Amino acid sequence: MSCASAVLARVAGETTPHHAGSAAWWRATWAAAVGGFATFALLYGVQPLMPLFAAHYGLSPAAASAVLSSATLPMALLLIPASLLAEKVGRTPLMVASLAGGVLLSWLAVWSSGFGWLLLWRALFGVLMAGLPALALSYLSEELAPESLGRAVGLYIAANALGGMSGRYVAAVVADAWGLQAGLLALAVMGTLAALVFWKLLPPSRRFVPRQVSLASVLADSRQHWRDPGLSRLFLLGFMLMGGFVSLYNYLGFRLQAAPFGLSQSAIGLIFLLYVVGMVSSSLGGRWADRYGRRVVLWKMVALMLPALLLTLSQSLWLVVAGVALFTFGFFAAHSVAASWVGRRVTHARGLASAFYLTSYYLGSAFIGSGSGLMWRLDGWPGVAGLIGGLLALCLWLTWQLRKVEPLPVVAS
């Protein structure tokens, strides 16, 4: 082989997408997974502490939920600007900077002198952390072969579940033993360790090509994404699924503290270990989607969440736990399928499409997750469950509509 041929072969190899099972595929997948772990641990670790915030600061359950929505709302609003910035500076530098900033704000939250300061640090945390979730899926979509994407996204979302579970459980147990500040400190330490691992693992982008971003091109790409009947339905699905899921876990702690259950904070923290079910189902969802098709798997997972929700209305703790476990299984599998479907369907401006999906996802967490507090005030758990049930009915309708959408050819970018 001539010298020129060797150089061309090497360049071609450097830009060939990674296939499942290769060392490069595993490194990229695990790096994204660790980043997802850190994001969810830091973002949602405060969720089981809401009853403690309410008691300590004299807040209503809906007001206490602001500790979560104050972070998810700015994160949702900054996802698209972060994805556009990455088109110029690259995916990997922005993801590293994003996680580093989020960890710094988590340390500042530990030393908050009041609830107002805590909300401020959490809001700035949401601003700085937007870069990682905005870019992780588009990074995987660019670097990995299309037929290997479903499994990688499934593992990424499984790591999200592990981070959410670990952050919630550790924060609840530590706060129960040593107080609120200790619970926040435990989250900051977890985030710091995960950020260091992420920084060491993350491979540089090999297939990223900088784009000149103009307002006209962004508006044109946005219109095209929202006019696509598949993408627009997937965006709305992410909004409602995440809103229902966060609503369930936001007010589950308040319900389990009250009669007839009367659980302690540590016992409530154990409930969040059910996220391990989500770790399994998100990985399975990705594999099932690659094998049986996204159209089939998605509606079945959403349909599973309805009977699971009915079980949570029981006065038996074991039936409630079973219902939450099934609900969690269905949610993470459905989210895994929907997120990978966005990456598979888009033929250009992948980062923007992923950002639209995640913007919808986190807006659902912020608005529905806090707004469902009104239903708690009006009718307690049955009111919250009724709202979630209505959302799931709409999600089922969307998944049925998605079965009729014509597939688009996958074009490597």
Protein backbone atom coordinates (compact mmCIF):
# COMPACT_ATOMS: atom_id res chain seq x y z
CA MET A 1 0.00 0.00 0.00
CA SER A 2 1.35 3.42 -0.94
CA CYS A 3 1.97 6.12 1.65
CA ALA A 4 -0.96 8.17 0.36
CA SER A 5 -3.27 5.15 0.46
CA ALA A 6 -2.20 4.41 4.01
CA VAL A 7 -2.96 7.97 5.10
CA LEU A 8 -6.38 7.87 3.45
CA ALA A 9 -7.16 4.53 5.09
CA ARG A 10 -6.15 5.88 8.49
CA VAL A 11 -8.27 9.03 8.07
CA ALA A 12 -11.23 6.94 6.95
CA GLY A 13 -10.80 4.70 9.99
CA GLU A 14 -10.69 7.69 12.30
CA THR A 15 -14.06 8.90 11.05
CA THR A 16 -15.76 5.52 10.86
CA PRO A 17 -18.55 5.27 13.46
CA HIS A 18 -17.95 2.94 16.40
CA HIS A 19 -19.82 -0.36 16.40
CA ALA A 20 -21.23 -2.11 19.47
CA GLY A 21 -18.68 -4.22 21.32
CA SER A 22 -15.57 -2.35 20.15
CA ALA A 23 -13.27 -0.75 22.71
CA ALA A 24 -14.01 2.71 21.32
CA TRP A 25 -17.77 2.09 21.50
CA TRP A 26 -17.53 1.05 25.14
CA ARG A 27 -15.39 4.04 26.12
CA ALA A 28 -17.73 6.54 24.47
CA THR A 29 -20.78 4.80 25.94
CA TRP A 30 -19.36 4.58 29.45
CA ALA A 31 -18.23 8.21 29.40
CA ALA A 32 -21.72 9.35 28.43
CA ALA A 33 -23.15 7.01 31.08
CA VAL A 34 -21.00 8.49 33.86
CA GLY A 35 -22.01 11.98 32.77
CA GLY A 36 -25.67 10.95 32.86
CA PHE A 37 -25.15 9.41 36.31
CA ALA A 38 -23.71 12.66 37.66
CA THR A 39 -26.43 14.79 36.06
CA PHE A 40 -29.30 12.81 37.55
CA ALA A 41 -27.67 12.34 40.96
CA LEU A 42 -27.08 16.08 41.37
CA LEU A 43 -30.35 17.17 39.79
CA TYR A 44 -32.79 14.78 41.46
CA GLY A 45 -30.97 13.89 44.68
CA VAL A 46 -32.94 16.62 46.49
CA GLN A 47 -36.29 15.01 45.63
CA PRO A 48 -36.67 12.74 48.71
CA LEU A 49 -35.64 15.67 50.91
CA MET A 50 -38.75 17.68 50.02
CA PRO A 51 -40.66 16.70 53.19
CA LEU A 52 -37.61 17.81 55.21
CA PHE A 53 -37.42 21.14 53.36
CA ALA A 54 -41.14 21.65 53.94
CA ALA A 55 -40.81 20.95 57.68
CA HIS A 56 -37.58 22.92 58.15
CA TYR A 57 -38.65 26.05 56.28
CA GLY A 58 -42.40 25.88 56.94
CA LEU A 59 -43.31 25.30 53.28
CA SER A 60 -46.22 23.60 51.55
CA PRO A 61 -45.44 20.46 49.48
CA ALA A 62 -45.87 22.48 46.27
CA ALA A 63 -43.50 25.20 47.50
CA ALA A 64 -40.92 22.62 48.61
CA SER A 65 -40.97 21.14 45.09
CA ALA A 66 -39.34 24.39 43.88
CA VAL A 67 -36.00 22.98 45.00
CA LEU A 68 -36.28 20.67 41.99
CA SER A 69 -38.16 22.83 39.48
CA SER A 70 -35.80 25.78 40.12
CA ALA A 71 -33.06 23.67 38.52
CA THR A 72 -35.02 21.80 35.84
CA LEU A 73 -36.69 24.92 34.39
CA PRO A 74 -33.51 26.89 33.56
CA MET A 75 -31.88 23.66 32.39
CA ALA A 76 -34.76 23.10 30.00
CA LEU A 77 -34.59 26.66 28.67
CA LEU A 78 -30.79 26.53 28.14
CA LEU A 79 -30.62 23.17 26.38
CA ILE A 80 -31.16 24.61 22.91
CA PRO A 81 -28.69 27.52 23.34
CA ALA A 82 -26.15 25.00 24.65
CA SER A 83 -26.64 22.76 21.63
CA LEU A 84 -26.17 25.74 19.31
CA LEU A 85 -23.02 26.83 21.12
CA ALA A 86 -21.65 23.30 20.76
CA GLU A 87 -21.97 23.56 16.98
CA LYS A 88 -19.08 26.04 17.15
CA VAL A 89 -16.97 24.95 20.14
CA GLY A 90 -17.57 21.20 19.95
CA ARG A 91 -19.43 18.64 22.03
CA THR A 92 -16.76 17.38 24.42
CA PRO A 93 -15.35 20.71 25.72
CA LEU A 94 -18.81 21.98 26.53
CA MET A 95 -19.88 18.76 28.26
CA VAL A 96 -16.78 18.82 30.48
CA ALA A 97 -17.26 22.51 31.36
CA SER A 98 -20.96 21.94 32.01
CA LEU A 99 -20.41 19.16 34.53
CA ALA A 100 -17.59 21.05 36.26
CA GLY A 101 -19.84 24.10 36.70
CA GLY A 102 -22.69 21.96 38.01
CA VAL A 103 -20.43 20.38 40.62
CA LEU A 104 -19.23 23.82 41.77
CA LEU A 105 -22.81 25.05 42.23
CA SER A 106 -23.66 21.87 44.15
CA TRP A 107 -20.91 22.70 46.64
CA LEU A 108 -22.26 26.23 47.02
CA ALA A 109 -25.74 24.80 47.71
CA VAL A 110 -24.32 22.88 50.68
CA TRP A 111 -23.53 26.12 52.48
CA SER A 112 -26.78 27.96 51.67
CA SER A 113 -27.90 30.19 54.54
CA GLY A 114 -31.60 29.94 53.66
CA PHE A 115 -34.09 28.45 51.21
CA GLY A 116 -33.86 31.48 48.93
CA TRP A 117 -30.10 31.10 48.54
CA LEU A 118 -30.56 27.38 47.92
CA LEU A 119 -33.01 28.13 45.11
CA LEU A 120 -30.55 30.61 43.59
CA TRP A 121 -27.70 28.08 43.55
CA ARG A 122 -30.02 25.42 42.18
CA ALA A 123 -31.19 27.76 39.40
CA LEU A 124 -27.60 28.57 38.41
CA PHE A 125 -26.86 24.87 38.60
CA GLY A 126 -29.59 24.28 36.03
CA VAL A 127 -28.09 26.97 33.78
CA LEU A 128 -24.57 25.51 33.85
CA MET A 129 -25.59 21.84 33.70
CA ALA A 130 -27.64 22.27 30.52
CA GLY A 131 -24.65 21.50 28.32
CA LEU A 132 -24.25 17.86 29.27
CA PRO A 133 -27.75 16.47 28.74
CA ALA A 134 -28.15 18.68 25.67
CA LEU A 135 -25.14 17.11 23.97
CA ALA A 136 -24.78 13.57 25.28
CA LEU A 137 -27.35 12.05 22.93
CA SER A 138 -26.15 13.97 19.89
CA TYR A 139 -22.56 13.00 20.77
CA LEU A 140 -23.54 9.31 20.81
CA SER A 141 -25.59 9.71 17.61
CA GLU A 142 -22.54 11.15 15.82
CA GLU A 143 -19.87 8.84 17.14
CA LEU A 144 -21.69 5.49 17.06
CA ALA A 145 -23.01 3.43 14.16
CA PRO A 146 -26.81 3.78 13.76
CA GLU A 147 -27.43 0.07 14.35
CA SER A 148 -25.43 0.30 17.61
CA LEU A 149 -27.13 3.43 18.91
CA GLY A 150 -30.15 1.88 20.63
CA ARG A 151 -28.05 -0.19 23.02
CA ALA A 152 -25.76 2.75 23.84
CA VAL A 153 -28.70 5.07 24.55
CA GLY A 154 -30.25 2.34 26.68
CA LEU A 155 -27.08 2.13 28.78
CA TYR A 156 -26.89 5.92 28.99
CA ILE A 157 -30.44 6.13 30.30
CA ALA A 158 -29.77 3.20 32.63
CA ALA A 159 -26.93 5.26 34.09
CA ASN A 160 -29.36 8.18 34.44
CA ALA A 161 -31.56 5.86 36.47
CA LEU A 162 -28.63 4.70 38.58
CA GLY A 163 -27.61 8.30 39.24
CA GLY A 164 -31.14 9.29 40.16
CA MET A 165 -31.47 6.27 42.44
CA SER A 166 -28.08 6.69 44.09
CA GLY A 167 -28.46 10.42 44.61
CA ARG A 168 -31.92 10.09 46.10
CA TYR A 169 -31.06 7.15 48.35
CA VAL A 170 -27.76 8.50 49.66
CA ALA A 171 -29.18 11.98 50.26
CA ALA A 172 -32.23 10.59 52.10
CA VAL A 173 -30.24 8.27 54.38
CA VAL A 174 -27.50 10.81 55.15
CA ALA A 175 -30.02 13.62 55.78
CA ASP A 176 -32.06 11.37 58.07
CA ALA A 177 -28.95 10.66 60.14
CA TRP A 178 -27.13 14.00 60.10
CA GLY A 179 -29.49 16.63 58.68
CA LEU A 180 -30.24 18.47 55.45
CA GLN A 181 -26.80 20.00 55.00
CA ALA A 182 -25.14 16.60 55.29
CA GLY A 183 -27.49 15.23 52.63
CA LEU A 184 -26.53 18.03 50.23
CA LEU A 185 -22.85 17.49 51.05
CA ALA A 186 -23.14 13.81 50.12
CA LEU A 187 -24.55 14.80 46.72
CA ALA A 188 -21.69 17.24 46.08
CA VAL A 189 -19.10 14.56 46.87
CA MET A 190 -20.81 12.05 44.54
CA GLY A 191 -20.91 14.60 41.75
CA THR A 192 -17.25 15.49 42.15
CA LEU A 193 -16.10 11.88 41.91
CA ALA A 194 -18.30 11.20 38.88
CA ALA A 195 -17.05 14.36 37.14
CA LEU A 196 -13.44 13.24 37.51
CA VAL A 197 -14.22 9.83 36.00
CA PHE A 198 -16.16 11.49 33.16
CA TRP A 199 -13.25 13.79 32.35
CA LYS A 200 -10.80 10.86 32.22
CA LEU A 201 -13.02 8.61 30.10
CA LEU A 202 -14.58 10.95 27.53
CA PRO A 203 -13.05 10.43 24.06
CA PRO A 204 -12.77 13.50 21.82
CA SER A 205 -15.34 13.95 19.06
CA ARG A 206 -14.05 12.35 15.86
CA ARG A 207 -17.04 12.91 13.59
CA PHE A 208 -18.04 16.37 14.76
CA VAL A 209 -17.92 19.03 12.03
CA PRO A 210 -18.28 22.68 13.18
CA ARG A 211 -21.24 24.48 11.64
CA GLN A 212 -21.88 28.14 11.09
CA VAL A 213 -25.02 28.80 13.09
CA SER A 214 -27.28 31.67 12.12
CA LEU A 215 -30.68 32.66 13.40
CA ALA A 216 -32.19 31.92 9.99
CA SER A 217 -30.71 28.40 9.88
CA VAL A 218 -31.81 27.66 13.45
CA LEU A 219 -35.36 28.77 12.72
CA ALA A 220 -35.40 26.75 9.51
CA ASP A 221 -34.10 23.62 11.26
CA SER A 222 -36.53 24.14 14.15
CA ARG A 223 -39.50 24.44 11.81
CA GLN A 224 -38.43 21.32 9.97
CA HIS A 225 -38.09 19.33 13.21
CA TRP A 226 -41.45 20.44 14.59
CA ARG A 227 -43.20 19.90 11.27
CA ASP A 228 -41.96 16.35 11.12
CA PRO A 229 -44.93 14.29 12.38
CA GLY A 230 -42.67 11.80 14.13
CA LEU A 231 -40.36 14.23 15.92
CA SER A 232 -43.13 16.57 17.09
CA ARG A 233 -44.98 13.65 18.68
CA LEU A 234 -41.80 12.39 20.33
CA PHE A 235 -41.16 15.86 21.79
CA LEU A 236 -44.68 16.02 23.26
CA LEU A 237 -44.35 12.47 24.52
CA GLY A 238 -41.17 13.35 26.43
CA PHE A 239 -42.93 16.34 28.03
CA MET A 240 -45.86 14.32 29.34
CA LEU A 241 -44.02 11.15 30.30
CA MET A 242 -41.44 13.02 32.37
CA GLY A 243 -44.07 15.27 33.92
CA GLY A 244 -46.06 12.25 35.10
CA PHE A 245 -42.97 10.40 36.33
CA VAL A 246 -41.61 13.33 38.36
CA SER A 247 -45.07 14.03 39.78
CA LEU A 248 -45.29 10.47 41.07
CA TYR A 249 -41.93 10.62 42.84
CA ASN A 250 -42.32 14.25 44.03
CA TYR A 251 -45.34 13.47 46.18
CA LEU A 252 -44.70 9.82 46.94
CA GLY A 253 -42.59 10.80 49.95
CA PHE A 254 -45.37 12.97 51.40
CA ARG A 255 -47.85 10.12 51.00
CA LEU A 256 -45.60 7.49 52.56
CA GLN A 257 -44.84 9.72 55.54
CA ALA A 258 -48.56 10.08 56.30
CA ALA A 259 -51.04 7.47 57.55
CA PRO A 260 -51.50 4.58 57.04
CA PHE A 261 -47.82 4.10 56.16
CA GLY A 262 -45.92 6.47 58.49
CA LEU A 263 -42.49 5.70 57.01
CA SER A 264 -39.27 7.38 58.15
CA GLN A 265 -37.07 9.40 55.80
CA SER A 266 -34.60 6.51 55.50
CA ALA A 267 -37.39 4.06 54.70
CA ILE A 268 -38.70 6.41 52.03
CA GLY A 269 -35.18 6.56 50.64
CA LEU A 270 -35.31 2.80 50.18
CA ILE A 271 -38.26 3.26 47.81
CA PHE A 272 -35.96 5.13 45.45
CA LEU A 273 -33.89 1.97 45.07
CA LEU A 274 -36.66 0.94 42.69
CA TYR A 275 -34.72 2.99 40.15
CA VAL A 276 -32.68 -0.18 39.64
CA VAL A 277 -35.74 -1.42 37.77
CA GLY A 278 -35.36 1.57 35.47
CA MET A 279 -31.71 0.71 34.89
CA VAL A 280 -32.74 -2.72 33.66
CA SER A 281 -35.72 -1.57 31.61
CA SER A 282 -33.91 1.28 29.83
CA SER A 283 -31.24 -1.13 28.62
CA LEU A 284 -33.87 -3.72 27.68
CA GLY A 285 -35.96 -1.06 25.96
CA GLY A 286 -33.05 -0.11 23.71
CA ARG A 287 -32.37 -3.73 22.80
CA TRP A 288 -36.05 -4.53 22.24
CA ALA A 289 -36.39 -1.47 20.02
CA ASP A 290 -33.43 -2.60 17.90
CA ARG A 291 -34.92 -6.11 17.66
CA TYR A 292 -38.70 -5.65 17.49
CA GLY A 293 -39.06 -2.04 16.38
CA ARG A 294 -39.68 1.20 18.25
CA ARG A 295 -43.33 1.43 17.21
CA VAL A 296 -44.21 -1.82 18.97
CA VAL A 297 -42.11 -1.45 22.12
CA LEU A 298 -43.01 2.19 22.85
CA TRP A 299 -46.78 1.84 23.11
CA LYS A 300 -46.51 -1.37 25.16
CA MET A 301 -44.27 0.29 27.74
CA VAL A 302 -46.60 3.29 28.06
CA ALA A 303 -49.60 0.96 28.36
CA LEU A 304 -47.84 -0.88 31.22
CA MET A 305 -47.70 2.34 33.24
CA LEU A 306 -51.50 2.65 33.54
CA PRO A 307 -52.22 -0.50 35.62
CA ALA A 308 -49.04 0.25 37.56
CA LEU A 309 -50.46 3.65 38.50
CA LEU A 310 -53.70 2.04 39.71
CA LEU A 311 -51.71 -0.12 42.13
CA THR A 312 -50.33 2.98 43.84
CA LEU A 313 -53.87 3.87 45.00
CA SER A 314 -53.86 0.83 47.29
CA GLN A 315 -53.59 1.12 51.08
CA SER A 316 -51.19 -1.83 51.06
CA LEU A 317 -47.54 -0.77 51.10
CA TRP A 318 -46.49 -3.81 49.08
CA LEU A 319 -48.98 -3.06 46.32
CA VAL A 320 -47.86 0.58 46.25
CA VAL A 321 -44.24 -0.52 45.94
CA ALA A 322 -45.15 -2.98 43.18
CA GLY A 323 -47.02 -0.24 41.34
CA VAL A 324 -44.12 2.20 41.59
CA ALA A 325 -41.71 -0.51 40.37
CA LEU A 326 -43.84 -1.30 37.30
CA PHE A 327 -44.38 2.40 36.60
CA THR A 328 -40.61 2.99 36.78
CA PHE A 329 -39.96 0.01 34.48
CA GLY A 330 -42.38 1.29 31.86
CA PHE A 331 -41.19 4.89 32.04
CA PHE A 332 -37.48 4.25 31.55
CA ALA A 333 -38.06 1.74 28.77
CA ALA A 334 -40.37 4.20 26.98
CA HIS A 335 -37.94 7.10 27.47
CA SER A 336 -35.05 4.99 26.15
CA VAL A 337 -37.00 4.11 23.01
CA ALA A 338 -38.23 7.66 22.41
CA ALA A 339 -34.80 9.26 22.92
CA SER A 340 -33.03 6.84 20.57
CA TRP A 341 -35.87 7.24 18.04
CA VAL A 342 -35.16 10.98 17.85
CA GLY A 343 -31.49 10.28 17.05
CA ARG A 344 -32.42 7.66 14.45
CA ARG A 345 -35.07 9.77 12.72
CA VAL A 346 -33.08 13.00 12.31
CA THR A 347 -31.05 13.40 9.14
CA HIS A 348 -29.45 16.76 10.02
CA ALA A 349 -29.08 19.15 12.99
CA ARG A 350 -29.08 16.21 15.38
CA GLY A 351 -27.96 18.33 18.32
CA LEU A 352 -30.93 20.66 17.90
CA ALA A 353 -33.37 17.76 17.64
CA SER A 354 -31.97 16.13 20.80
CA ALA A 355 -32.15 19.50 22.56
CA PHE A 356 -35.81 19.90 21.59
CA TYR A 357 -36.62 16.46 22.99
CA LEU A 358 -34.78 17.12 26.24
CA THR A 359 -36.19 20.64 26.53
CA SER A 360 -39.67 19.14 26.37
CA TYR A 361 -38.58 16.44 28.82
CA TYR A 362 -37.28 18.85 31.46
CA LEU A 363 -40.09 21.36 30.95
CA GLY A 364 -42.45 18.51 31.80
CA SER A 365 -40.45 17.90 34.96
CA ALA A 366 -40.56 21.58 35.94
CA PHE A 367 -44.13 22.55 35.08
CA ILE A 368 -46.08 19.33 35.58
CA GLY A 369 -43.91 18.20 38.49
CA SER A 370 -44.63 21.39 40.43
CA GLY A 371 -48.13 21.98 39.04
CA SER A 372 -49.27 18.57 40.25
CA GLY A 373 -48.81 19.97 43.76
CA LEU A 374 -52.17 21.69 43.23
CA MET A 375 -53.77 18.27 42.75
CA TRP A 376 -52.10 17.10 45.96
CA ARG A 377 -53.57 20.07 47.80
CA LEU A 378 -57.05 19.46 46.35
CA ASP A 379 -57.34 15.68 46.67
CA GLY A 380 -54.10 14.19 47.95
CA TRP A 381 -52.70 11.15 46.21
CA PRO A 382 -55.88 10.32 44.22
CA GLY A 383 -55.70 13.80 42.70
CA VAL A 384 -52.05 13.37 41.69
CA ALA A 385 -52.77 9.88 40.31
CA GLY A 386 -55.72 11.22 38.33
CA LEU A 387 -53.53 13.85 36.69
CA ILE A 388 -50.86 11.27 35.83
CA GLY A 389 -53.51 8.93 34.44
CA GLY A 390 -54.78 11.65 32.13
CA LEU A 391 -51.24 12.30 30.89
CA LEU A 392 -50.71 8.59 30.22
CA ALA A 393 -53.93 8.42 28.21
CA LEU A 394 -52.61 11.25 26.00
CA CYS A 395 -49.25 9.47 25.73
CA LEU A 396 -50.97 6.30 24.55
CA TRP A 397 -52.74 8.30 21.85
CA LEU A 398 -49.39 9.77 20.75
CA THR A 399 -47.73 6.35 20.59
CA TRP A 400 -50.63 5.10 18.46
CA GLN A 401 -50.15 8.05 16.12
CA LEU A 402 -46.43 7.26 15.92
CA ARG A 403 -47.25 3.79 14.61
CA LYS A 404 -48.68 5.45 11.49
CA VAL A 405 -45.74 7.79 10.83
CA GLU A 406 -43.65 6.95 7.81
CA PRO A 407 -40.02 6.11 8.67
CA LEU A 408 -37.22 8.30 7.33
CA PRO A 409 -33.97 6.93 5.95
CA VAL A 410 -31.02 7.11 8.33
CA VAL A 411 -28.33 9.39 6.91
CA ALA A 412 -24.97 9.45 8.64
CA SER A 413 -23.76 12.95 9.40
